[in-house]
Full PDB file with SEQRES, HELIX, SHEET, SSBOND, CRYST1, ORIGX, SCALE, CONECT and MASTER records, all heavy atoms in Angstrom:
SEQRES   1 A   39  MET ARG LEU SER GLN VAL ASP ALA TYR MET ARG SER ASP          
SEQRES   2 A   39  GLU ALA GLN GLN PHE ASP ASP ARG LEU ASN GLN GLN ILE          
SEQRES   3 A   39  SER ASN GLU ILE PHE TRP LEU LYS LYS LYS ASP ILE ILE          
HELIX    1 AA1 LEU A    3  ARG A   11  1                                   9    
HELIX    2 AA2 ARG A   21  LYS A   36  1                                  16    
CRYST1    1.000    1.000    1.000  90.00  90.00  90.00 P 1           1          
ORIGX1      1.000000  0.000000  0.000000        0.00000                         
ORIGX2      0.000000  1.000000  0.000000        0.00000                         
ORIGX3      0.000000  0.000000  1.000000        0.00000                         
SCALE1      1.000000  0.000000  0.000000        0.00000                         
SCALE2      0.000000  1.000000  0.000000        0.00000                         
SCALE3      0.000000  0.000000  1.000000        0.00000                         
ATOM      1  N   MET A   1      13.102  61.048  56.694  1.00  0.00           N  
ATOM      2  CA  MET A   1      13.030  61.118  58.154  1.00  0.00           C  
ATOM      3  C   MET A   1      13.051  59.699  58.691  1.00  0.00           C  
ATOM      4  O   MET A   1      12.937  58.730  57.934  1.00  0.00           O  
ATOM      5  CB  MET A   1      11.771  61.855  58.613  1.00  0.00           C  
ATOM      6  CG  MET A   1      10.467  61.174  58.273  1.00  0.00           C  
ATOM      7  SD  MET A   1       9.004  62.118  58.809  1.00  0.00           S  
ATOM      8  CE  MET A   1       9.175  63.606  57.812  1.00  0.00           C  
ATOM      9  N   ARG A   2      13.203  59.578  59.997  1.00  0.00           N  
ATOM     10  CA  ARG A   2      13.182  58.253  60.612  1.00  0.00           C  
ATOM     11  C   ARG A   2      11.774  57.674  60.548  1.00  0.00           C  
ATOM     12  O   ARG A   2      10.780  58.406  60.652  1.00  0.00           O  
ATOM     13  CB  ARG A   2      13.669  58.316  62.060  1.00  0.00           C  
ATOM     14  CG  ARG A   2      15.100  58.797  62.184  1.00  0.00           C  
ATOM     15  CD  ARG A   2      15.595  58.723  63.617  1.00  0.00           C  
ATOM     16  NE  ARG A   2      16.882  59.396  63.748  1.00  0.00           N  
ATOM     17  CZ  ARG A   2      18.041  58.865  63.411  1.00  0.00           C  
ATOM     18  NH1 ARG A   2      18.076  57.633  62.917  1.00  0.00           N  
ATOM     19  NH2 ARG A   2      19.164  59.531  63.557  1.00  0.00           N  
ATOM     20  N   LEU A   3      11.695  56.350  60.375  1.00  0.00           N  
ATOM     21  CA  LEU A   3      10.388  55.700  60.295  1.00  0.00           C  
ATOM     22  C   LEU A   3       9.535  56.038  61.514  1.00  0.00           C  
ATOM     23  O   LEU A   3       8.320  56.240  61.391  1.00  0.00           O  
ATOM     24  CB  LEU A   3      10.566  54.182  60.174  1.00  0.00           C  
ATOM     25  CG  LEU A   3       9.277  53.356  60.112  1.00  0.00           C  
ATOM     26  CD1 LEU A   3       8.452  53.726  58.880  1.00  0.00           C  
ATOM     27  CD2 LEU A   3       9.599  51.867  60.104  1.00  0.00           C  
ATOM     28  N   SER A   4      10.150  56.126  62.670  1.00  0.00           N  
ATOM     29  CA  SER A   4       9.404  56.413  63.896  1.00  0.00           C  
ATOM     30  C   SER A   4       8.762  57.790  63.896  1.00  0.00           C  
ATOM     31  O   SER A   4       7.845  58.053  64.685  1.00  0.00           O  
ATOM     32  CB  SER A   4      10.336  56.292  65.108  1.00  0.00           C  
ATOM     33  OG  SER A   4      11.418  57.201  64.998  1.00  0.00           O  
ATOM     34  N   GLN A   5       9.196  58.679  63.000  1.00  0.00           N  
ATOM     35  CA  GLN A   5       8.656  60.035  62.947  1.00  0.00           C  
ATOM     36  C   GLN A   5       7.512  60.191  61.947  1.00  0.00           C  
ATOM     37  O   GLN A   5       6.804  61.205  61.963  1.00  0.00           O  
ATOM     38  CB  GLN A   5       9.771  61.019  62.565  1.00  0.00           C  
ATOM     39  CG  GLN A   5      10.926  61.070  63.540  1.00  0.00           C  
ATOM     40  CD  GLN A   5      12.067  61.929  63.030  1.00  0.00           C  
ATOM     41  OE1 GLN A   5      12.568  61.727  61.924  1.00  0.00           O  
ATOM     42  NE2 GLN A   5      12.474  62.902  63.831  1.00  0.00           N  
ATOM     43  N   VAL A   6       7.340  59.208  61.089  1.00  0.00           N  
ATOM     44  CA  VAL A   6       6.419  59.363  59.958  1.00  0.00           C  
ATOM     45  C   VAL A   6       4.970  59.524  60.409  1.00  0.00           C  
ATOM     46  O   VAL A   6       4.241  60.409  59.934  1.00  0.00           O  
ATOM     47  CB  VAL A   6       6.550  58.174  58.984  1.00  0.00           C  
ATOM     48  CG1 VAL A   6       5.447  58.225  57.926  1.00  0.00           C  
ATOM     49  CG2 VAL A   6       7.916  58.172  58.324  1.00  0.00           C  
ATOM     50  N   ASP A   7       4.520  58.687  61.313  1.00  0.00           N  
ATOM     51  CA  ASP A   7       3.108  58.708  61.694  1.00  0.00           C  
ATOM     52  C   ASP A   7       2.719  60.063  62.278  1.00  0.00           C  
ATOM     53  O   ASP A   7       1.697  60.643  61.891  1.00  0.00           O  
ATOM     54  CB  ASP A   7       2.814  57.592  62.694  1.00  0.00           C  
ATOM     55  CG  ASP A   7       1.329  57.436  62.950  1.00  0.00           C  
ATOM     56  OD1 ASP A   7       0.576  57.218  61.981  1.00  0.00           O  
ATOM     57  OD2 ASP A   7       0.900  57.538  64.128  1.00  0.00           O  
ATOM     58  N   ALA A   8       3.533  60.591  63.188  1.00  0.00           N  
ATOM     59  CA  ALA A   8       3.226  61.893  63.785  1.00  0.00           C  
ATOM     60  C   ALA A   8       3.264  62.994  62.733  1.00  0.00           C  
ATOM     61  O   ALA A   8       2.423  63.916  62.747  1.00  0.00           O  
ATOM     62  CB  ALA A   8       4.206  62.192  64.915  1.00  0.00           C  
ATOM     63  N   TYR A   9       4.230  62.917  61.815  1.00  0.00           N  
ATOM     64  CA  TYR A   9       4.331  63.915  60.744  1.00  0.00           C  
ATOM     65  C   TYR A   9       3.070  63.908  59.885  1.00  0.00           C  
ATOM     66  O   TYR A   9       2.514  64.964  59.565  1.00  0.00           O  
ATOM     67  CB  TYR A   9       5.563  63.624  59.896  1.00  0.00           C  
ATOM     68  CG  TYR A   9       5.689  64.509  58.674  1.00  0.00           C  
ATOM     69  CD1 TYR A   9       6.341  65.736  58.743  1.00  0.00           C  
ATOM     70  CD2 TYR A   9       5.159  64.102  57.452  1.00  0.00           C  
ATOM     71  CE1 TYR A   9       6.454  66.548  57.622  1.00  0.00           C  
ATOM     72  CE2 TYR A   9       5.266  64.906  56.326  1.00  0.00           C  
ATOM     73  CZ  TYR A   9       5.909  66.125  56.415  1.00  0.00           C  
ATOM     74  OH  TYR A   9       6.009  66.934  55.307  1.00  0.00           O  
ATOM     75  N   MET A  10       2.603  62.717  59.499  1.00  0.00           N  
ATOM     76  CA  MET A  10       1.444  62.624  58.621  1.00  0.00           C  
ATOM     77  C   MET A  10       0.143  62.996  59.336  1.00  0.00           C  
ATOM     78  O   MET A  10      -0.804  63.461  58.704  1.00  0.00           O  
ATOM     79  CB  MET A  10       1.347  61.207  58.044  1.00  0.00           C  
ATOM     80  CG  MET A  10       2.466  60.847  57.082  1.00  0.00           C  
ATOM     81  SD  MET A  10       2.581  61.987  55.658  1.00  0.00           S  
ATOM     82  CE  MET A  10       0.973  61.717  54.881  1.00  0.00           C  
ATOM     83  N   ARG A  11       0.085  62.812  60.641  1.00  0.00           N  
ATOM     84  CA  ARG A  11      -1.134  63.135  61.387  1.00  0.00           C  
ATOM     85  C   ARG A  11      -1.206  64.600  61.799  1.00  0.00           C  
ATOM     86  O   ARG A  11      -2.273  65.095  62.169  1.00  0.00           O  
ATOM     87  CB  ARG A  11      -1.231  62.250  62.635  1.00  0.00           C  
ATOM     88  CG  ARG A  11      -1.494  60.788  62.343  1.00  0.00           C  
ATOM     89  CD  ARG A  11      -1.532  59.980  63.642  1.00  0.00           C  
ATOM     90  NE  ARG A  11      -1.767  58.571  63.409  1.00  0.00           N  
ATOM     91  CZ  ARG A  11      -2.982  58.017  63.308  1.00  0.00           C  
ATOM     92  NH1 ARG A  11      -4.059  58.779  63.442  1.00  0.00           N  
ATOM     93  NH2 ARG A  11      -3.119  56.731  63.089  1.00  0.00           N  
ATOM     94  N   SER A  12      -0.094  65.306  61.730  1.00  0.00           N  
ATOM     95  CA  SER A  12      -0.054  66.680  62.209  1.00  0.00           C  
ATOM     96  C   SER A  12      -0.930  67.603  61.352  1.00  0.00           C  
ATOM     97  O   SER A  12      -0.946  67.515  60.120  1.00  0.00           O  
ATOM     98  CB  SER A  12       1.384  67.197  62.202  1.00  0.00           C  
ATOM     99  OG  SER A  12       1.418  68.546  62.585  1.00  0.00           O  
ATOM    100  N   ASP A  13      -1.640  68.498  62.030  1.00  0.00           N  
ATOM    101  CA  ASP A  13      -2.460  69.497  61.333  1.00  0.00           C  
ATOM    102  C   ASP A  13      -1.696  70.785  61.069  1.00  0.00           C  
ATOM    103  O   ASP A  13      -2.265  71.746  60.529  1.00  0.00           O  
ATOM    104  CB  ASP A  13      -3.712  69.821  62.168  1.00  0.00           C  
ATOM    105  CG  ASP A  13      -4.673  68.650  62.236  1.00  0.00           C  
ATOM    106  OD1 ASP A  13      -4.727  67.876  61.262  1.00  0.00           O  
ATOM    107  OD2 ASP A  13      -5.369  68.514  63.262  1.00  0.00           O  
ATOM    108  N   GLU A  14      -0.445  70.812  61.433  1.00  0.00           N  
ATOM    109  CA  GLU A  14       0.370  72.005  61.237  1.00  0.00           C  
ATOM    110  C   GLU A  14       1.542  71.696  60.307  1.00  0.00           C  
ATOM    111  O   GLU A  14       2.089  70.593  60.325  1.00  0.00           O  
ATOM    112  CB  GLU A  14       0.900  72.518  62.575  1.00  0.00           C  
ATOM    113  CG  GLU A  14      -0.206  72.937  63.545  1.00  0.00           C  
ATOM    114  CD  GLU A  14       0.354  73.457  64.845  1.00  0.00           C  
ATOM    115  OE1 GLU A  14       1.609  73.476  64.975  1.00  0.00           O  
ATOM    116  OE2 GLU A  14      -0.440  73.838  65.724  1.00  0.00           O  
ATOM    117  N   ALA A  15       1.924  72.674  59.510  1.00  0.00           N  
ATOM    118  CA  ALA A  15       3.074  72.512  58.625  1.00  0.00           C  
ATOM    119  C   ALA A  15       4.343  72.374  59.454  1.00  0.00           C  
ATOM    120  O   ALA A  15       4.539  73.100  60.431  1.00  0.00           O  
ATOM    121  CB  ALA A  15       3.181  73.705  57.679  1.00  0.00           C  
ATOM    122  N   GLN A  16       5.180  71.426  59.083  1.00  0.00           N  
ATOM    123  CA  GLN A  16       6.422  71.179  59.809  1.00  0.00           C  
ATOM    124  C   GLN A  16       7.534  72.083  59.291  1.00  0.00           C  
ATOM    125  O   GLN A  16       7.542  72.472  58.115  1.00  0.00           O  
ATOM    126  CB  GLN A  16       6.831  69.714  59.657  1.00  0.00           C  
ATOM    127  CG  GLN A  16       5.758  68.734  60.121  1.00  0.00           C  
ATOM    128  CD  GLN A  16       5.481  68.887  61.607  1.00  0.00           C  
ATOM    129  OE1 GLN A  16       6.352  68.659  62.429  1.00  0.00           O  
ATOM    130  NE2 GLN A  16       4.248  69.256  61.953  1.00  0.00           N  
ATOM    131  N   GLN A  17       8.474  72.393  60.166  1.00  0.00           N  
ATOM    132  CA  GLN A  17       9.552  73.305  59.816  1.00  0.00           C  
ATOM    133  C   GLN A  17      10.858  72.530  59.599  1.00  0.00           C  
ATOM    134  O   GLN A  17      11.217  71.673  60.399  1.00  0.00           O  
ATOM    135  CB  GLN A  17       9.751  74.343  60.912  1.00  0.00           C  
ATOM    136  CG  GLN A  17       8.522  75.206  61.162  1.00  0.00           C  
ATOM    137  CD  GLN A  17       8.065  75.948  59.925  1.00  0.00           C  
ATOM    138  OE1 GLN A  17       8.887  76.588  59.258  1.00  0.00           O  
ATOM    139  NE2 GLN A  17       6.780  75.864  59.606  1.00  0.00           N  
ATOM    140  N   PHE A  18      11.554  72.854  58.489  1.00  0.00           N  
ATOM    141  CA  PHE A  18      12.846  72.253  58.162  1.00  0.00           C  
ATOM    142  C   PHE A  18      13.878  73.367  57.977  1.00  0.00           C  
ATOM    143  O   PHE A  18      13.549  74.463  57.523  1.00  0.00           O  
ATOM    144  CB  PHE A  18      12.749  71.430  56.871  1.00  0.00           C  
ATOM    145  CG  PHE A  18      11.983  70.146  57.005  1.00  0.00           C  
ATOM    146  CD1 PHE A  18      10.596  70.140  57.001  1.00  0.00           C  
ATOM    147  CD2 PHE A  18      12.651  68.937  57.137  1.00  0.00           C  
ATOM    148  CE1 PHE A  18       9.894  68.962  57.122  1.00  0.00           C  
ATOM    149  CE2 PHE A  18      11.955  67.749  57.255  1.00  0.00           C  
ATOM    150  CZ  PHE A  18      10.575  67.757  57.258  1.00  0.00           C  
ATOM    151  N   ASP A  19      15.110  73.074  58.344  1.00  0.00           N  
ATOM    152  CA  ASP A  19      16.184  74.058  58.175  1.00  0.00           C  
ATOM    153  C   ASP A  19      16.543  74.245  56.704  1.00  0.00           C  
ATOM    154  O   ASP A  19      16.851  75.349  56.261  1.00  0.00           O  
ATOM    155  CB  ASP A  19      17.429  73.630  58.958  1.00  0.00           C  
ATOM    156  CG  ASP A  19      17.191  73.642  60.460  1.00  0.00           C  
ATOM    157  OD1 ASP A  19      16.349  74.440  60.912  1.00  0.00           O  
ATOM    158  OD2 ASP A  19      17.845  72.848  61.176  1.00  0.00           O  
ATOM    159  N   ASP A  20      16.511  73.148  55.958  1.00  0.00           N  
ATOM    160  CA  ASP A  20      16.875  73.194  54.542  1.00  0.00           C  
ATOM    161  C   ASP A  20      15.712  73.736  53.712  1.00  0.00           C  
ATOM    162  O   ASP A  20      14.565  73.301  53.862  1.00  0.00           O  
ATOM    163  CB  ASP A  20      17.256  71.786  54.065  1.00  0.00           C  
ATOM    164  CG  ASP A  20      17.607  71.757  52.599  1.00  0.00           C  
ATOM    165  OD1 ASP A  20      18.739  72.112  52.251  1.00  0.00           O  
ATOM    166  OD2 ASP A  20      16.720  71.387  51.795  1.00  0.00           O  
ATOM    167  N   ARG A  21      16.008  74.666  52.821  1.00  0.00           N  
ATOM    168  CA  ARG A  21      14.952  75.326  52.031  1.00  0.00           C  
ATOM    169  C   ARG A  21      14.216  74.355  51.124  1.00  0.00           C  
ATOM    170  O   ARG A  21      12.983  74.404  51.016  1.00  0.00           O  
ATOM    171  CB  ARG A  21      15.577  76.456  51.206  1.00  0.00           C  
ATOM    172  CG  ARG A  21      14.570  77.240  50.384  1.00  0.00           C  
ATOM    173  CD  ARG A  21      15.252  78.376  49.639  1.00  0.00           C  
ATOM    174  NE  ARG A  21      14.307  79.098  48.802  1.00  0.00           N  
ATOM    175  CZ  ARG A  21      14.635  80.126  48.025  1.00  0.00           C  
ATOM    176  NH1 ARG A  21      15.910  80.544  47.996  1.00  0.00           N  
ATOM    177  NH2 ARG A  21      13.735  80.723  47.286  1.00  0.00           N  
ATOM    178  N   LEU A  22      14.943  73.473  50.452  1.00  0.00           N  
ATOM    179  CA  LEU A  22      14.291  72.534  49.544  1.00  0.00           C  
ATOM    180  C   LEU A  22      13.425  71.546  50.316  1.00  0.00           C  
ATOM    181  O   LEU A  22      12.297  71.245  49.911  1.00  0.00           O  
ATOM    182  CB  LEU A  22      15.341  71.786  48.716  1.00  0.00           C  
ATOM    183  CG  LEU A  22      14.799  70.805  47.675  1.00  0.00           C  
ATOM    184  CD1 LEU A  22      13.814  71.478  46.731  1.00  0.00           C  
ATOM    185  CD2 LEU A  22      15.943  70.165  46.897  1.00  0.00           C  
ATOM    186  N   ASN A  23      13.929  71.022  51.437  1.00  0.00           N  
ATOM    187  CA  ASN A  23      13.112  70.149  52.267  1.00  0.00           C  
ATOM    188  C   ASN A  23      11.836  70.854  52.724  1.00  0.00           C  
ATOM    189  O   ASN A  23      10.761  70.250  52.772  1.00  0.00           O  
ATOM    190  CB  ASN A  23      13.906  69.682  53.492  1.00  0.00           C  
ATOM    191  CG  ASN A  23      14.829  68.529  53.188  1.00  0.00           C  
ATOM    192  OD1 ASN A  23      14.586  67.740  52.284  1.00  0.00           O  
ATOM    193  ND2 ASN A  23      15.915  68.429  53.929  1.00  0.00           N  
ATOM    194  N   GLN A  24      11.971  72.127  53.069  1.00  0.00           N  
ATOM    195  CA  GLN A  24      10.808  72.888  53.509  1.00  0.00           C  
ATOM    196  C   GLN A  24       9.774  73.001  52.387  1.00  0.00           C  
ATOM    197  O   GLN A  24       8.567  72.835  52.605  1.00  0.00           O  
ATOM    198  CB  GLN A  24      11.225  74.281  53.965  1.00  0.00           C  
ATOM    199  CG  GLN A  24      10.084  75.102  54.555  1.00  0.00           C  
ATOM    200  CD  GLN A  24       9.567  74.496  55.843  1.00  0.00           C  
ATOM    201  OE1 GLN A  24      10.299  74.363  56.812  1.00  0.00           O  
ATOM    202  NE2 GLN A  24       8.295  74.099  55.856  1.00  0.00           N  
ATOM    203  N   GLN A  25      10.251  73.265  51.187  1.00  0.00           N  
ATOM    204  CA  GLN A  25       9.340  73.399  50.052  1.00  0.00           C  
ATOM    205  C   GLN A  25       8.592  72.099  49.787  1.00  0.00           C  
ATOM    206  O   GLN A  25       7.379  72.093  49.571  1.00  0.00           O  
ATOM    207  CB  GLN A  25      10.121  73.820  48.806  1.00  0.00           C  
ATOM    208  CG  GLN A  25       9.256  73.993  47.568  1.00  0.00           C  
ATOM    209  CD  GLN A  25      10.077  74.372  46.350  1.00  0.00           C  
ATOM    210  OE1 GLN A  25      11.225  74.781  46.465  1.00  0.00           O  
ATOM    211  NE2 GLN A  25       9.493  74.224  45.172  1.00  0.00           N  
ATOM    212  N   ILE A  26       9.324  70.980  49.799  1.00  0.00           N  
ATOM    213  CA  ILE A  26       8.683  69.694  49.539  1.00  0.00           C  
ATOM    214  C   ILE A  26       7.727  69.334  50.672  1.00  0.00           C  
ATOM    215  O   ILE A  26       6.621  68.833  50.438  1.00  0.00           O  
ATOM    216  CB  ILE A  26       9.746  68.596  49.342  1.00  0.00           C  
ATOM    217  CG1 ILE A  26      10.608  68.908  48.117  1.00  0.00           C  
ATOM    218  CG2 ILE A  26       9.092  67.225  49.193  1.00  0.00           C  
ATOM    219  CD1 ILE A  26      11.822  68.012  47.962  1.00  0.00           C  
ATOM    220  N   SER A  27       8.127  69.609  51.911  1.00  0.00           N  
ATOM    221  CA  SER A  27       7.246  69.353  53.047  1.00  0.00           C  
ATOM    222  C   SER A  27       5.973  70.173  52.938  1.00  0.00           C  
ATOM    223  O   SER A  27       4.873  69.681  53.259  1.00  0.00           O  
ATOM    224  CB  SER A  27       7.969  69.673  54.358  1.00  0.00           C  
ATOM    225  OG  SER A  27       7.124  69.415  55.468  1.00  0.00           O  
ATOM    226  N   ASN A  28       6.076  71.408  52.472  1.00  0.00           N  
ATOM    227  CA  ASN A  28       4.879  72.229  52.282  1.00  0.00           C  
ATOM    228  C   ASN A  28       3.952  71.618  51.237  1.00  0.00           C  
ATOM    229  O   ASN A  28       2.723  71.659  51.383  1.00  0.00           O  
ATOM    230  CB  ASN A  28       5.280  73.644  51.856  1.00  0.00           C  
ATOM    231  CG  ASN A  28       5.926  74.432  52.973  1.00  0.00           C  
ATOM    232  OD1 ASN A  28       5.821  74.065  54.150  1.00  0.00           O  
ATOM    233  ND2 ASN A  28       6.609  75.513  52.626  1.00  0.00           N  
ATOM    234  N   GLU A  29       4.529  71.037  50.178  1.00  0.00           N  
ATOM    235  CA  GLU A  29       3.705  70.383  49.159  1.00  0.00           C  
ATOM    236  C   GLU A  29       2.958  69.192  49.752  1.00  0.00           C  
ATOM    237  O   GLU A  29       1.788  68.953  49.440  1.00  0.00           O  
ATOM    238  CB  GLU A  29       4.582  69.938  47.984  1.00  0.00           C  
ATOM    239  CG  GLU A  29       5.155  71.083  47.176  1.00  0.00           C  
ATOM    240  CD  GLU A  29       5.999  70.597  46.015  1.00  0.00           C  
ATOM    241  OE1 GLU A  29       5.783  69.460  45.549  1.00  0.00           O  
ATOM    242  OE2 GLU A  29       6.892  71.342  45.579  1.00  0.00           O  
ATOM    243  N   ILE A  30       3.653  68.419  50.591  1.00  0.00           N  
ATOM    244  CA  ILE A  30       3.002  67.284  51.250  1.00  0.00           C  
ATOM    245  C   ILE A  30       1.887  67.783  52.165  1.00  0.00           C  
ATOM    246  O   ILE A  30       0.790  67.210  52.217  1.00  0.00           O  
ATOM    247  CB  ILE A  30       4.030  66.455  52.040  1.00  0.00           C  
ATOM    248  CG1 ILE A  30       5.051  65.826  51.094  1.00  0.00           C  
ATOM    249  CG2 ILE A  30       3.336  65.366  52.869  1.00  0.00           C  
ATOM    250  CD1 ILE A  30       6.206  65.138  51.799  1.00  0.00           C  
ATOM    251  N   PHE A  31       2.146  68.863  52.879  1.00  0.00           N  
ATOM    252  CA  PHE A  31       1.150  69.427  53.785  1.00  0.00           C  
ATOM    253  C   PHE A  31      -0.111  69.830  53.024  1.00  0.00           C  
ATOM    254  O   PHE A  31      -1.232  69.523  53.448  1.00  0.00           O  
ATOM    255  CB  PHE A  31       1.735  70.638  54.513  1.00  0.00           C  
ATOM    256  CG  PHE A  31       0.752  71.345  55.389  1.00  0.00           C  
ATOM    257  CD1 PHE A  31       0.352  70.796  56.598  1.00  0.00           C  
ATOM    258  CD2 PHE A  31       0.218  72.565  54.998  1.00  0.00           C  
ATOM    259  CE1 PHE A  31      -0.557  71.451  57.415  1.00  0.00           C  
ATOM    260  CE2 PHE A  31      -0.693  73.231  55.808  1.00  0.00           C  
ATOM    261  CZ  PHE A  31      -1.086  72.667  57.016  1.00  0.00           C  
ATOM    262  N   TRP A  32       0.054  70.495  51.891  1.00  0.00           N  
ATOM    263  CA  TRP A  32      -1.111  70.924  51.127  1.00  0.00           C  
ATOM    264  C   TRP A  32      -1.825  69.746  50.481  1.00  0.00           C  
ATOM    265  O   TRP A  32      -3.056  69.777  50.317  1.00  0.00           O  
ATOM    266  CB  TRP A  32      -0.714  71.976  50.100  1.00  0.00           C  
ATOM    267  CG  TRP A  32      -0.407  73.288  50.740  1.00  0.00           C  
ATOM    268  CD1 TRP A  32       0.807  73.907  50.828  1.00  0.00           C  
ATOM    269  CD2 TRP A  32      -1.321  74.128  51.446  1.00  0.00           C  
ATOM    270  NE1 TRP A  32       0.706  75.076  51.541  1.00  0.00           N  
ATOM    271  CE2 TRP A  32      -0.591  75.242  51.932  1.00  0.00           C  
ATOM    272  CE3 TRP A  32      -2.693  74.044  51.713  1.00  0.00           C  
ATOM    273  CZ2 TRP A  32      -1.187  76.265  52.660  1.00  0.00           C  
ATOM    274  CZ3 TRP A  32      -3.292  75.066  52.449  1.00  0.00           C  
ATOM    275  CH2 TRP A  32      -2.542  76.157  52.917  1.00  0.00           C  
ATOM    276  N   LEU A  33      -1.084  68.702  50.139  1.00  0.00           N  
ATOM    277  CA  LEU A  33      -1.742  67.495  49.649  1.00  0.00           C  
ATOM    278  C   LEU A  33      -2.626  66.903  50.743  1.00  0.00           C  
ATOM    279  O   LEU A  33      -3.764  66.484  50.495  1.00  0.00           O  
ATOM    280  CB  LEU A  33      -0.700  66.471  49.201  1.00  0.00           C  
ATOM    281  CG  LEU A  33      -1.222  65.082  48.809  1.00  0.00           C  
ATOM    282  CD1 LEU A  33      -2.155  65.173  47.610  1.00  0.00           C  
ATOM    283  CD2 LEU A  33      -0.075  64.125  48.523  1.00  0.00           C  
ATOM    284  N   LYS A  34      -2.114  66.878  51.974  1.00  0.00           N  
ATOM    285  CA  LYS A  34      -2.909  66.360  53.095  1.00  0.00           C  
ATOM    286  C   LYS A  34      -4.127  67.232  53.378  1.00  0.00           C  
ATOM    287  O   LYS A  34      -5.173  66.738  53.798  1.00  0.00           O  
ATOM    288  CB  LYS A  34      -2.047  66.279  54.360  1.00  0.00           C  
ATOM    289  CG  LYS A  34      -0.915  65.280  54.301  1.00  0.00           C  
ATOM    290  CD  LYS A  34      -0.315  65.083  55.689  1.00  0.00           C  
ATOM    291  CE  LYS A  34       0.248  66.365  56.251  1.00  0.00           C  
ATOM    292  NZ  LYS A  34       0.724  66.209  57.639  1.00  0.00           N  
ATOM    293  N   LYS A  35      -3.985  68.543  53.192  1.00  0.00           N  
ATOM    294  CA  LYS A  35      -5.102  69.443  53.418  1.00  0.00           C  
ATOM    295  C   LYS A  35      -6.171  69.288  52.349  1.00  0.00           C  
ATOM    296  O   LYS A  35      -7.374  69.379  52.626  1.00  0.00           O  
ATOM    297  CB  LYS A  35      -4.614  70.890  53.454  1.00  0.00           C  
ATOM    298  CG  LYS A  35      -3.690  71.223  54.601  1.00  0.00           C  
ATOM    299  CD  LYS A  35      -4.434  71.309  55.920  1.00  0.00           C  
ATOM    300  CE  LYS A  35      -5.217  72.598  56.028  1.00  0.00           C  
ATOM    301  NZ  LYS A  35      -5.824  72.752  57.378  1.00  0.00           N  
ATOM    302  N   LYS A  36      -5.724  69.059  51.119  1.00  0.00           N  
ATOM    303  CA  LYS A  36      -6.664  68.937  49.994  1.00  0.00           C  
ATOM    304  C   LYS A  36      -7.415  67.622  50.040  1.00  0.00           C  
ATOM    305  O   LYS A  36      -8.622  67.564  49.796  1.00  0.00           O  
ATOM    306  CB  LYS A  36      -5.878  69.053  48.680  1.00  0.00           C  
ATOM    307  CG  LYS A  36      -6.733  68.968  47.425  1.00  0.00           C  
ATOM    308  CD  LYS A  36      -5.883  69.093  46.180  1.00  0.00           C  
ATOM    309  CE  LYS A  36      -4.906  67.947  46.049  1.00  0.00           C  
ATOM    310  NZ  LYS A  36      -4.142  67.960  44.782  1.00  0.00           N  
ATOM    311  N   ASP A  37      -6.710  66.550  50.335  1.00  0.00           N  
ATOM    312  CA  ASP A  37      -7.296  65.208  50.402  1.00  0.00           C  
ATOM    313  C   ASP A  37      -6.894  64.578  51.737  1.00  0.00           C  
ATOM    314  O   ASP A  37      -5.706  64.442  52.021  1.00  0.00           O  
ATOM    315  CB  ASP A  37      -6.781  64.325  49.264  1.00  0.00           C  
ATOM    316  CG  ASP A  37      -7.243  64.784  47.901  1.00  0.00           C  
ATOM    317  OD1 ASP A  37      -8.458  64.749  47.652  1.00  0.00           O  
ATOM    318  OD2 ASP A  37      -6.391  65.179  47.086  1.00  0.00           O  
ATOM    319  N   ILE A  38      -7.881  64.198  52.531  1.00  0.00           N  
ATOM    320  CA  ILE A  38      -7.584  63.532  53.801  1.00  0.00           C  
ATOM    321  C   ILE A  38      -7.124  62.116  53.474  1.00  0.00           C  
ATOM    322  O   ILE A  38      -7.905  61.274  53.032  1.00  0.00           O  
ATOM    323  CB  ILE A  38      -8.816  63.510  54.714  1.00  0.00           C  
ATOM    324  CG1 ILE A  38      -9.254  64.946  55.028  1.00  0.00           C  
ATOM    325  CG2 ILE A  38      -8.508  62.767  56.009  1.00  0.00           C  
ATOM    326  CD1 ILE A  38     -10.531  65.037  55.820  1.00  0.00           C  
ATOM    327  N   ILE A  39      -5.825  61.857  53.672  1.00  0.00           N  
ATOM    328  CA  ILE A  39      -5.254  60.590  53.246  1.00  0.00           C  
ATOM    329  C   ILE A  39      -4.727  59.806  54.445  1.00  0.00           C  
ATOM    330  O   ILE A  39      -4.380  60.372  55.474  1.00  0.00           O  
ATOM    331  CB  ILE A  39      -4.130  60.805  52.211  1.00  0.00           C  
ATOM    332  CG1 ILE A  39      -3.021  61.721  52.778  1.00  0.00           C  
ATOM    333  CG2 ILE A  39      -4.701  61.382  50.916  1.00  0.00           C  
ATOM    334  CD1 ILE A  39      -1.834  61.892  51.842  1.00  0.00           C  
TER     335      ILE A  39                                                      
MASTER        0    0    0    2    0    0    0    6  334    1    0    3          
END                                                                             
């Protein structure tokens, strides 16, 4: 993603939606990592 989007993405408490299935899967993994450990 664009650098300007990273901070909002990482601070969001909601899972982000992607059109691509693989991107969605990886984004979900990042989301659960953030939920498990506040980073």
